[in-house]
Structure formats: C-alpha cells, structure tokens
Amino acid sequence: GKSNWCADKLDANPTLYRMMPDTLKKPYDQHFSEVRIVDLPVKNKDEFYEKWLLKYSNKGGLPPELQRFFDPTVYASGNVRIRNCTPSYLAGVCLNYISRAFAYEQLTANCQTFAADLYGFLTGSKGVAPFSTFLRAGYHQRTMAFLYRPSYTEKPSQ
C-alpha cells in the first residue's frame, strides 16, 4: 500500500492502502505482478521533474529518510500517439498487458520493463529499452500485449 508516486507514502495508513480492496493486500506473493496507475498533480514533464522527482530526491532538501529518488533523470519523453487515449482506455490496455505479464521476474518482467513497453506503445516507438543497462541485454519489447483482451490469447475450443 505504499508507493513512491503517492505524497503520503510514509504515513501510517496511506490513501493507496485505504483504497485497496483487502484481496490486493493479502496474501502477498512476490511472484505476481500488479499494475497501479496514479494521476500525479503535475501538468507536464518539467513539472513532473521539478515538483516530484527533485522534491523527493537527494537534490530536494529533504532529510535522507524522506527521499525516494537518487539523482533523478527523465530517461525519455515523447508525445502520445494513441488516438482518444482517455484514462479509462489507458487503464484497459494496462489490464490487458498485466494479464499477459502476470509473473514478476526481477530481471525480465519488472517496473522498468513495463515502463519501457508502455512508453513504446503510447509513443509508437521501436527500440525503447529499460533504464538499467543490466536489464537491456535480456529485454524484448512487448507492446502488442497492450492491445488485446485476455480472452483473445486463449486457444479456441475444439
């Protein structure tokens, strides 16, 4: 129930945790992935960097125990090329994706690989890779996983 993307992350009972149904809290299984979409109170990349990343970093003046990021950088930025990309559409394609990438793998299916796949999908970019050079060697872009509902991946009954 804690997230670097929620202002009250360090509160005893953060909003994210209070809003989650109990089925998302327990039993915890580190082998499964999850998707969380948080609408940050920023308008553009510059505000995101200045009002979020810097604020909660080693460069923002907070004591170390309140910092979330170390030497933050915006790795990539681009225009969304999906037509009618509404919040509900975005949530739907993320659910499609996670139904195919449900297993968390520290080196092949994690938050960085998801971010690279989502960025590639939304911007129509090929050759996008995770931030970490260590992850890039085994990374394969999976943008098609966003497009189709889970039932379309099942084998047809005979």
N, C-alpha and C. Protein backbone atom coordinates (compact mmCIF):
# COMPACT_ATOMS: atom_id res chain seq x y z
N GLY A 1 0.78 -1.19 0.00
CA GLY A 1 0.00 0.00 0.00
C GLY A 1 0.83 1.27 0.00
N LYS A 2 2.13 1.14 -0.25
CA LYS A 2 2.99 2.32 -0.30
C LYS A 2 3.53 2.47 -1.71
N SER A 3 3.67 3.70 -2.15
CA SER A 3 4.13 3.96 -3.49
C SER A 3 4.94 5.26 -3.53
N ASN A 4 6.04 5.24 -4.25
CA ASN A 4 6.83 6.46 -4.44
C ASN A 4 6.04 7.55 -5.14
N TRP A 5 4.95 7.20 -5.76
CA TRP A 5 4.17 8.14 -6.56
C TRP A 5 2.99 8.72 -5.79
N CYS A 6 2.89 8.42 -4.50
CA CYS A 6 1.84 8.99 -3.65
C CYS A 6 2.50 9.84 -2.57
N ALA A 7 2.00 11.06 -2.40
CA ALA A 7 2.62 12.00 -1.48
C ALA A 7 2.64 11.48 -0.04
N ASP A 8 1.62 10.71 0.34
CA ASP A 8 1.53 10.24 1.72
C ASP A 8 2.16 8.85 1.92
N LYS A 9 3.12 8.50 1.10
CA LYS A 9 3.76 7.18 1.16
C LYS A 9 4.18 6.78 2.57
N LEU A 10 4.73 7.69 3.34
CA LEU A 10 5.28 7.35 4.65
C LEU A 10 4.27 7.47 5.79
N ASP A 11 3.04 7.83 5.49
CA ASP A 11 2.01 7.88 6.53
C ASP A 11 1.74 6.47 7.06
N ALA A 12 1.27 6.39 8.28
CA ALA A 12 0.97 5.08 8.88
C ALA A 12 -0.11 4.33 8.09
N ASN A 13 -1.07 5.05 7.54
CA ASN A 13 -2.16 4.43 6.79
C ASN A 13 -2.38 5.24 5.51
N PRO A 14 -1.51 5.06 4.49
CA PRO A 14 -1.60 5.90 3.28
C PRO A 14 -2.90 5.68 2.51
N THR A 15 -3.27 6.69 1.74
CA THR A 15 -4.51 6.65 0.96
C THR A 15 -4.56 5.43 0.04
N LEU A 16 -3.46 5.13 -0.63
CA LEU A 16 -3.43 3.98 -1.54
C LEU A 16 -3.84 2.71 -0.81
N TYR A 17 -3.31 2.49 0.36
CA TYR A 17 -3.63 1.29 1.15
C TYR A 17 -5.10 1.29 1.57
N ARG A 18 -5.61 2.44 1.96
CA ARG A 18 -7.02 2.53 2.38
C ARG A 18 -7.97 2.26 1.22
N MET A 19 -7.58 2.64 0.00
CA MET A 19 -8.43 2.47 -1.17
C MET A 19 -8.39 1.06 -1.75
N MET A 20 -7.35 0.31 -1.44
CA MET A 20 -7.20 -1.05 -1.99
C MET A 20 -8.19 -2.01 -1.34
N PRO A 21 -8.82 -2.86 -2.14
CA PRO A 21 -9.63 -3.92 -1.52
C PRO A 21 -8.70 -4.90 -0.80
N ASP A 22 -9.22 -5.55 0.21
CA ASP A 22 -8.42 -6.48 1.00
C ASP A 22 -7.77 -7.58 0.15
N THR A 23 -8.42 -7.95 -0.94
CA THR A 23 -7.86 -9.01 -1.79
C THR A 23 -6.55 -8.61 -2.45
N LEU A 24 -6.27 -7.30 -2.51
CA LEU A 24 -4.99 -6.84 -3.05
C LEU A 24 -3.91 -6.71 -1.98
N LYS A 25 -4.27 -6.90 -0.74
CA LYS A 25 -3.32 -6.73 0.35
C LYS A 25 -2.71 -8.05 0.81
N LYS A 26 -3.51 -9.07 0.90
CA LYS A 26 -3.03 -10.36 1.39
C LYS A 26 -3.76 -11.46 0.65
N PRO A 27 -3.20 -12.60 0.46
CA PRO A 27 -1.81 -12.92 0.81
C PRO A 27 -0.86 -12.35 -0.23
N TYR A 28 0.22 -11.76 0.22
CA TYR A 28 1.22 -11.19 -0.67
C TYR A 28 2.02 -12.31 -1.32
N ASP A 29 2.23 -12.20 -2.63
CA ASP A 29 3.02 -13.19 -3.35
C ASP A 29 3.96 -12.44 -4.29
N GLN A 30 5.24 -12.47 -4.00
CA GLN A 30 6.22 -11.71 -4.78
C GLN A 30 6.38 -12.20 -6.20
N HIS A 31 5.76 -13.31 -6.55
CA HIS A 31 5.90 -13.86 -7.90
C HIS A 31 4.89 -13.27 -8.88
N PHE A 32 3.91 -12.53 -8.38
CA PHE A 32 2.90 -11.94 -9.24
C PHE A 32 3.16 -10.45 -9.44
N SER A 33 2.77 -9.95 -10.60
CA SER A 33 2.89 -8.53 -10.89
C SER A 33 1.58 -7.84 -10.55
N GLU A 34 1.65 -6.53 -10.50
CA GLU A 34 0.45 -5.72 -10.29
C GLU A 34 0.60 -4.44 -11.09
N VAL A 35 -0.50 -3.80 -11.36
CA VAL A 35 -0.49 -2.52 -12.05
C VAL A 35 -1.14 -1.50 -11.13
N ARG A 36 -0.46 -0.39 -10.94
CA ARG A 36 -1.02 0.74 -10.20
C ARG A 36 -0.90 1.96 -11.11
N ILE A 37 -1.98 2.66 -11.27
CA ILE A 37 -1.97 3.88 -12.07
C ILE A 37 -2.29 5.03 -11.13
N VAL A 38 -1.38 5.98 -11.05
CA VAL A 38 -1.53 7.11 -10.15
C VAL A 38 -1.51 8.39 -10.99
N ASP A 39 -2.51 9.23 -10.80
CA ASP A 39 -2.59 10.50 -11.50
C ASP A 39 -1.90 11.56 -10.64
N LEU A 40 -0.70 11.94 -11.05
CA LEU A 40 0.08 12.91 -10.27
C LEU A 40 -0.41 14.34 -10.54
N PRO A 41 -0.29 15.22 -9.53
CA PRO A 41 -0.75 16.60 -9.70
C PRO A 41 0.28 17.47 -10.43
N VAL A 42 0.64 17.04 -11.64
CA VAL A 42 1.57 17.80 -12.47
C VAL A 42 0.98 17.89 -13.88
N LYS A 43 1.39 18.91 -14.63
CA LYS A 43 0.81 19.17 -15.95
C LYS A 43 1.69 18.74 -17.11
N ASN A 44 3.00 18.61 -16.87
CA ASN A 44 3.91 18.29 -17.97
C ASN A 44 5.21 17.71 -17.42
N LYS A 45 6.11 17.39 -18.33
CA LYS A 45 7.38 16.77 -17.95
C LYS A 45 8.19 17.65 -17.01
N ASP A 46 8.23 18.96 -17.27
CA ASP A 46 9.03 19.86 -16.42
C ASP A 46 8.49 19.91 -15.00
N GLU A 47 7.17 20.00 -14.86
CA GLU A 47 6.57 19.98 -13.52
C GLU A 47 6.83 18.65 -12.84
N PHE A 48 6.73 17.56 -13.57
CA PHE A 48 6.99 16.24 -13.01
C PHE A 48 8.40 16.18 -12.44
N TYR A 49 9.35 16.67 -13.21
CA TYR A 49 10.74 16.64 -12.77
C TYR A 49 10.96 17.54 -11.56
N GLU A 50 10.46 18.77 -11.65
CA GLU A 50 10.73 19.75 -10.60
C GLU A 50 9.90 19.53 -9.34
N LYS A 51 8.60 19.25 -9.51
CA LYS A 51 7.71 19.18 -8.35
C LYS A 51 7.59 17.77 -7.76
N TRP A 52 8.13 16.78 -8.46
CA TRP A 52 8.02 15.42 -7.92
C TRP A 52 9.39 14.77 -7.77
N LEU A 53 10.06 14.55 -8.89
CA LEU A 53 11.34 13.85 -8.81
C LEU A 53 12.36 14.60 -7.97
N LEU A 54 12.56 15.88 -8.24
CA LEU A 54 13.53 16.65 -7.46
C LEU A 54 13.09 16.80 -6.00
N LYS A 55 11.83 17.09 -5.79
CA LYS A 55 11.31 17.29 -4.44
C LYS A 55 11.64 16.10 -3.54
N TYR A 56 11.45 14.90 -4.05
CA TYR A 56 11.64 13.70 -3.24
C TYR A 56 13.00 13.04 -3.47
N SER A 57 13.97 13.79 -3.91
CA SER A 57 15.28 13.22 -4.20
C SER A 57 16.35 13.78 -3.27
N ASN A 58 17.55 13.30 -3.45
CA ASN A 58 18.71 13.80 -2.72
C ASN A 58 19.03 15.25 -3.08
N LYS A 59 18.40 15.77 -4.11
CA LYS A 59 18.62 17.16 -4.54
C LYS A 59 17.53 18.11 -4.07
N GLY A 60 16.54 17.58 -3.33
CA GLY A 60 15.39 18.40 -2.96
C GLY A 60 15.41 18.98 -1.57
N GLY A 61 16.41 18.70 -0.78
CA GLY A 61 16.49 19.29 0.54
C GLY A 61 15.80 18.52 1.65
N LEU A 62 15.19 17.39 1.32
CA LEU A 62 14.55 16.58 2.36
C LEU A 62 15.61 15.76 3.10
N PRO A 63 15.34 15.41 4.36
CA PRO A 63 16.27 14.52 5.05
C PRO A 63 16.29 13.15 4.35
N PRO A 64 17.39 12.42 4.46
CA PRO A 64 17.53 11.15 3.74
C PRO A 64 16.37 10.16 3.94
N GLU A 65 15.80 10.11 5.12
CA GLU A 65 14.72 9.15 5.37
C GLU A 65 13.43 9.48 4.62
N LEU A 66 13.32 10.69 4.08
CA LEU A 66 12.14 11.08 3.31
C LEU A 66 12.38 11.06 1.80
N GLN A 67 13.60 10.81 1.40
CA GLN A 67 13.94 10.79 -0.01
C GLN A 67 13.52 9.48 -0.66
N ARG A 68 13.11 9.56 -1.93
CA ARG A 68 12.66 8.39 -2.67
C ARG A 68 13.52 8.11 -3.89
N PHE A 69 14.21 9.12 -4.39
CA PHE A 69 14.96 9.01 -5.64
C PHE A 69 16.38 9.54 -5.45
N PHE A 70 17.31 8.93 -6.14
CA PHE A 70 18.70 9.38 -6.08
C PHE A 70 19.12 9.85 -7.46
N ASP A 71 19.56 11.09 -7.55
CA ASP A 71 19.97 11.70 -8.81
C ASP A 71 18.97 11.40 -9.94
N PRO A 72 17.72 11.85 -9.79
CA PRO A 72 16.70 11.51 -10.78
C PRO A 72 16.97 12.12 -12.15
N THR A 73 16.52 11.42 -13.15
CA THR A 73 16.63 11.89 -14.52
C THR A 73 15.38 11.46 -15.29
N VAL A 74 14.98 12.23 -16.27
CA VAL A 74 13.89 11.82 -17.16
C VAL A 74 14.57 11.09 -18.32
N TYR A 75 14.38 9.80 -18.36
CA TYR A 75 15.07 8.93 -19.31
C TYR A 75 14.58 9.14 -20.74
N ALA A 76 13.28 9.33 -20.90
CA ALA A 76 12.71 9.52 -22.23
C ALA A 76 11.42 10.33 -22.11
N SER A 77 11.08 11.02 -23.16
CA SER A 77 9.85 11.78 -23.20
C SER A 77 9.38 11.85 -24.64
N GLY A 78 8.08 11.75 -24.85
CA GLY A 78 7.55 11.81 -26.20
C GLY A 78 6.07 12.08 -26.18
N ASN A 79 5.52 12.35 -27.34
CA ASN A 79 4.09 12.61 -27.46
C ASN A 79 3.32 11.30 -27.57
N VAL A 80 2.16 11.27 -26.92
CA VAL A 80 1.26 10.12 -27.04
C VAL A 80 0.67 10.13 -28.43
N ARG A 81 0.78 9.00 -29.12
CA ARG A 81 0.28 8.91 -30.50
C ARG A 81 -0.97 8.06 -30.62
N ILE A 82 -1.49 7.59 -29.50
CA ILE A 82 -2.73 6.81 -29.49
C ILE A 82 -3.90 7.78 -29.58
N ARG A 83 -4.81 7.54 -30.49
CA ARG A 83 -6.00 8.38 -30.60
C ARG A 83 -6.93 8.12 -29.43
N ASN A 84 -7.54 9.16 -28.95
CA ASN A 84 -8.52 9.05 -27.86
C ASN A 84 -7.99 8.27 -26.67
N CYS A 85 -6.80 8.59 -26.25
CA CYS A 85 -6.19 7.91 -25.11
C CYS A 85 -6.74 8.51 -23.82
N THR A 86 -7.90 8.03 -23.43
CA THR A 86 -8.56 8.50 -22.22
C THR A 86 -8.03 7.73 -21.01
N PRO A 87 -8.29 8.22 -19.82
CA PRO A 87 -7.87 7.45 -18.63
C PRO A 87 -8.44 6.03 -18.61
N SER A 88 -9.70 5.85 -19.01
CA SER A 88 -10.28 4.51 -18.99
C SER A 88 -9.65 3.62 -20.07
N TYR A 89 -9.32 4.17 -21.22
CA TYR A 89 -8.63 3.40 -22.25
C TYR A 89 -7.26 2.97 -21.76
N LEU A 90 -6.53 3.90 -21.15
CA LEU A 90 -5.20 3.59 -20.63
C LEU A 90 -5.28 2.49 -19.57
N ALA A 91 -6.23 2.59 -18.67
CA ALA A 91 -6.40 1.54 -17.65
C ALA A 91 -6.69 0.20 -18.31
N GLY A 92 -7.53 0.20 -19.33
CA GLY A 92 -7.86 -1.05 -20.03
C GLY A 92 -6.67 -1.71 -20.69
N VAL A 93 -5.84 -0.92 -21.38
CA VAL A 93 -4.69 -1.53 -22.04
C VAL A 93 -3.66 -2.01 -21.01
N CYS A 94 -3.58 -1.33 -19.88
CA CYS A 94 -2.68 -1.80 -18.82
C CYS A 94 -3.17 -3.12 -18.23
N LEU A 95 -4.48 -3.27 -18.11
CA LEU A 95 -5.03 -4.56 -17.65
C LEU A 95 -4.76 -5.66 -18.68
N ASN A 96 -4.90 -5.34 -19.96
CA ASN A 96 -4.56 -6.32 -20.99
C ASN A 96 -3.12 -6.79 -20.82
N TYR A 97 -2.22 -5.84 -20.65
CA TYR A 97 -0.78 -6.14 -20.53
C TYR A 97 -0.50 -7.03 -19.32
N ILE A 98 -1.03 -6.63 -18.18
CA ILE A 98 -0.70 -7.37 -16.96
C ILE A 98 -1.28 -8.77 -16.97
N SER A 99 -2.32 -8.99 -17.76
CA SER A 99 -2.87 -10.35 -17.86
C SER A 99 -1.92 -11.27 -18.61
N ARG A 100 -1.02 -10.70 -19.39
CA ARG A 100 -0.02 -11.49 -20.11
C ARG A 100 1.32 -11.52 -19.39
N ALA A 101 1.58 -10.52 -18.58
CA ALA A 101 2.86 -10.43 -17.86
C ALA A 101 2.59 -10.50 -16.36
N PHE A 102 1.80 -11.47 -15.96
CA PHE A 102 1.36 -11.55 -14.58
C PHE A 102 2.45 -11.99 -13.62
N ALA A 103 3.49 -12.64 -14.12
CA ALA A 103 4.56 -13.12 -13.25
C ALA A 103 5.65 -12.06 -13.15
N TYR A 104 6.00 -11.72 -11.93
CA TYR A 104 7.08 -10.77 -11.70
C TYR A 104 8.40 -11.52 -11.78
N GLU A 105 9.30 -11.01 -12.58
CA GLU A 105 10.65 -11.58 -12.69
C GLU A 105 11.62 -10.41 -12.53
N GLN A 106 12.47 -10.49 -11.54
CA GLN A 106 13.34 -9.37 -11.22
C GLN A 106 14.18 -8.90 -12.40
N LEU A 107 14.58 -9.79 -13.28
CA LEU A 107 15.48 -9.42 -14.37
C LEU A 107 14.81 -9.30 -15.74
N THR A 108 13.56 -9.73 -15.85
CA THR A 108 12.93 -9.70 -17.18
C THR A 108 11.53 -9.10 -17.23
N ALA A 109 10.82 -9.05 -16.13
CA ALA A 109 9.45 -8.51 -16.11
C ALA A 109 9.26 -7.74 -14.82
N ASN A 110 9.59 -6.45 -14.86
CA ASN A 110 9.53 -5.63 -13.66
C ASN A 110 9.03 -4.24 -14.01
N CYS A 111 9.13 -3.30 -13.10
CA CYS A 111 8.59 -1.96 -13.35
C CYS A 111 9.33 -1.26 -14.50
N GLN A 112 10.60 -1.51 -14.66
CA GLN A 112 11.34 -0.86 -15.75
C GLN A 112 10.94 -1.44 -17.11
N THR A 113 10.74 -2.73 -17.19
CA THR A 113 10.34 -3.32 -18.48
C THR A 113 8.91 -2.89 -18.82
N PHE A 114 8.04 -2.79 -17.81
CA PHE A 114 6.69 -2.30 -18.04
C PHE A 114 6.73 -0.86 -18.54
N ALA A 115 7.52 -0.02 -17.90
CA ALA A 115 7.62 1.39 -18.31
C ALA A 115 8.12 1.51 -19.74
N ALA A 116 9.12 0.71 -20.10
CA ALA A 116 9.65 0.75 -21.47
C ALA A 116 8.58 0.29 -22.46
N ASP A 117 7.86 -0.77 -22.12
CA ASP A 117 6.80 -1.26 -23.01
C ASP A 117 5.67 -0.24 -23.15
N LEU A 118 5.26 0.36 -22.04
CA LEU A 118 4.18 1.35 -22.10
C LEU A 118 4.61 2.59 -22.88
N TYR A 119 5.81 3.05 -22.66
CA TYR A 119 6.32 4.20 -23.41
C TYR A 119 6.35 3.88 -24.92
N GLY A 120 6.86 2.72 -25.27
CA GLY A 120 6.91 2.32 -26.68
C GLY A 120 5.52 2.24 -27.28
N PHE A 121 4.57 1.69 -26.53
CA PHE A 121 3.20 1.57 -27.01
C PHE A 121 2.56 2.94 -27.21
N LEU A 122 2.64 3.80 -26.21
CA LEU A 122 1.96 5.10 -26.28
C LEU A 122 2.57 6.04 -27.31
N THR A 123 3.87 5.95 -27.52
CA THR A 123 4.54 6.85 -28.45
C THR A 123 4.75 6.23 -29.83
N GLY A 124 4.48 4.94 -29.96
CA GLY A 124 4.72 4.26 -31.23
C GLY A 124 6.20 4.10 -31.53
N SER A 125 7.00 4.03 -30.49
CA SER A 125 8.46 3.97 -30.65
C SER A 125 8.98 2.54 -30.61
N LYS A 126 9.86 2.23 -31.53
CA LYS A 126 10.56 0.94 -31.50
C LYS A 126 11.94 1.16 -30.92
N GLY A 127 12.52 0.11 -30.40
CA GLY A 127 13.87 0.20 -29.87
C GLY A 127 13.96 0.82 -28.49
N VAL A 128 12.83 0.99 -27.82
CA VAL A 128 12.84 1.51 -26.45
C VAL A 128 13.40 0.41 -25.54
N ALA A 129 14.16 0.79 -24.55
CA ALA A 129 14.74 -0.18 -23.63
C ALA A 129 14.63 0.33 -22.20
N PRO A 130 14.69 -0.56 -21.22
CA PRO A 130 14.66 -0.13 -19.82
C PRO A 130 15.83 0.78 -19.48
N PHE A 131 15.70 1.53 -18.42
CA PHE A 131 16.72 2.47 -17.98
C PHE A 131 18.02 1.75 -17.60
N SER A 132 17.91 0.67 -16.88
CA SER A 132 19.08 -0.05 -16.39
C SER A 132 19.79 -0.79 -17.54
N THR A 133 21.07 -0.53 -17.67
CA THR A 133 21.84 -1.23 -18.71
C THR A 133 21.87 -2.74 -18.43
N PHE A 134 21.79 -3.12 -17.18
CA PHE A 134 21.79 -4.53 -16.81
C PHE A 134 20.56 -5.25 -17.36
N LEU A 135 19.42 -4.57 -17.40
CA LEU A 135 18.17 -5.19 -17.88
C LEU A 135 18.08 -5.22 -19.40
N ARG A 136 18.80 -4.35 -20.06
CA ARG A 136 18.67 -4.22 -21.51
C ARG A 136 19.05 -5.49 -22.27
N ALA A 137 20.03 -6.22 -21.78
CA ALA A 137 20.51 -7.40 -22.51
C ALA A 137 19.42 -8.44 -22.74
N GLY A 138 18.56 -8.66 -21.75
CA GLY A 138 17.53 -9.68 -21.89
C GLY A 138 16.15 -9.13 -22.21
N TYR A 139 16.07 -7.85 -22.52
CA TYR A 139 14.77 -7.22 -22.74
C TYR A 139 14.27 -7.42 -24.17
N HIS A 140 12.98 -7.73 -24.28
CA HIS A 140 12.29 -7.80 -25.57
C HIS A 140 11.02 -6.97 -25.46
N GLN A 141 10.87 -6.00 -26.33
CA GLN A 141 9.72 -5.11 -26.29
C GLN A 141 8.44 -5.91 -26.50
N ARG A 142 7.42 -5.64 -25.66
CA ARG A 142 6.15 -6.37 -25.72
C ARG A 142 4.96 -5.42 -25.85
N THR A 143 5.00 -4.54 -26.80
CA THR A 143 3.93 -3.55 -26.93
C THR A 143 2.61 -4.17 -27.39
N MET A 144 2.65 -5.28 -28.10
CA MET A 144 1.41 -5.91 -28.56
C MET A 144 0.57 -6.42 -27.39
N ALA A 145 1.19 -6.66 -26.26
CA ALA A 145 0.45 -7.16 -25.09
C ALA A 145 -0.59 -6.16 -24.60
N PHE A 146 -0.46 -4.90 -24.96
CA PHE A 146 -1.42 -3.88 -24.54
C PHE A 146 -2.73 -3.94 -25.35
N LEU A 147 -2.68 -4.49 -26.53
CA LEU A 147 -3.79 -4.33 -27.47
C LEU A 147 -4.99 -5.24 -27.26
N TYR A 148 -4.78 -6.45 -26.83
CA TYR A 148 -5.86 -7.43 -26.90
C TYR A 148 -6.31 -7.89 -25.52
N ARG A 149 -7.60 -8.08 -25.41
CA ARG A 149 -8.17 -8.56 -24.15
C ARG A 149 -7.63 -9.95 -23.84
N PRO A 150 -7.58 -10.31 -22.57
CA PRO A 150 -7.02 -11.62 -22.20
C PRO A 150 -7.69 -12.80 -22.88
N SER A 151 -9.00 -12.75 -23.10
CA SER A 151 -9.69 -13.89 -23.70
C SER A 151 -9.20 -14.17 -25.12
N TYR A 152 -8.60 -13.19 -25.78
CA TYR A 152 -8.12 -13.39 -27.14
C TYR A 152 -6.83 -14.20 -27.18
N THR A 153 -6.20 -14.40 -26.05
CA THR A 153 -4.96 -15.17 -26.03
C THR A 153 -5.23 -16.65 -25.77
N GLU A 154 -6.44 -16.98 -25.39
CA GLU A 154 -6.77 -18.38 -25.11
C GLU A 154 -6.92 -19.16 -26.40
N LYS A 155 -6.54 -20.43 -26.36
CA LYS A 155 -6.71 -21.28 -27.55
C LYS A 155 -8.20 -21.52 -27.78
N PRO A 156 -8.62 -21.48 -29.03
CA PRO A 156 -10.04 -21.73 -29.31
C PRO A 156 -10.41 -23.16 -28.93
N SER A 157 -11.61 -23.32 -28.40
CA SER A 157 -12.05 -24.69 -28.06
C SER A 157 -12.35 -25.45 -29.33
N GLN A 158 -12.08 -26.74 -29.29
CA GLN A 158 -12.28 -27.57 -30.49
C GLN A 158 -13.46 -28.49 -30.34
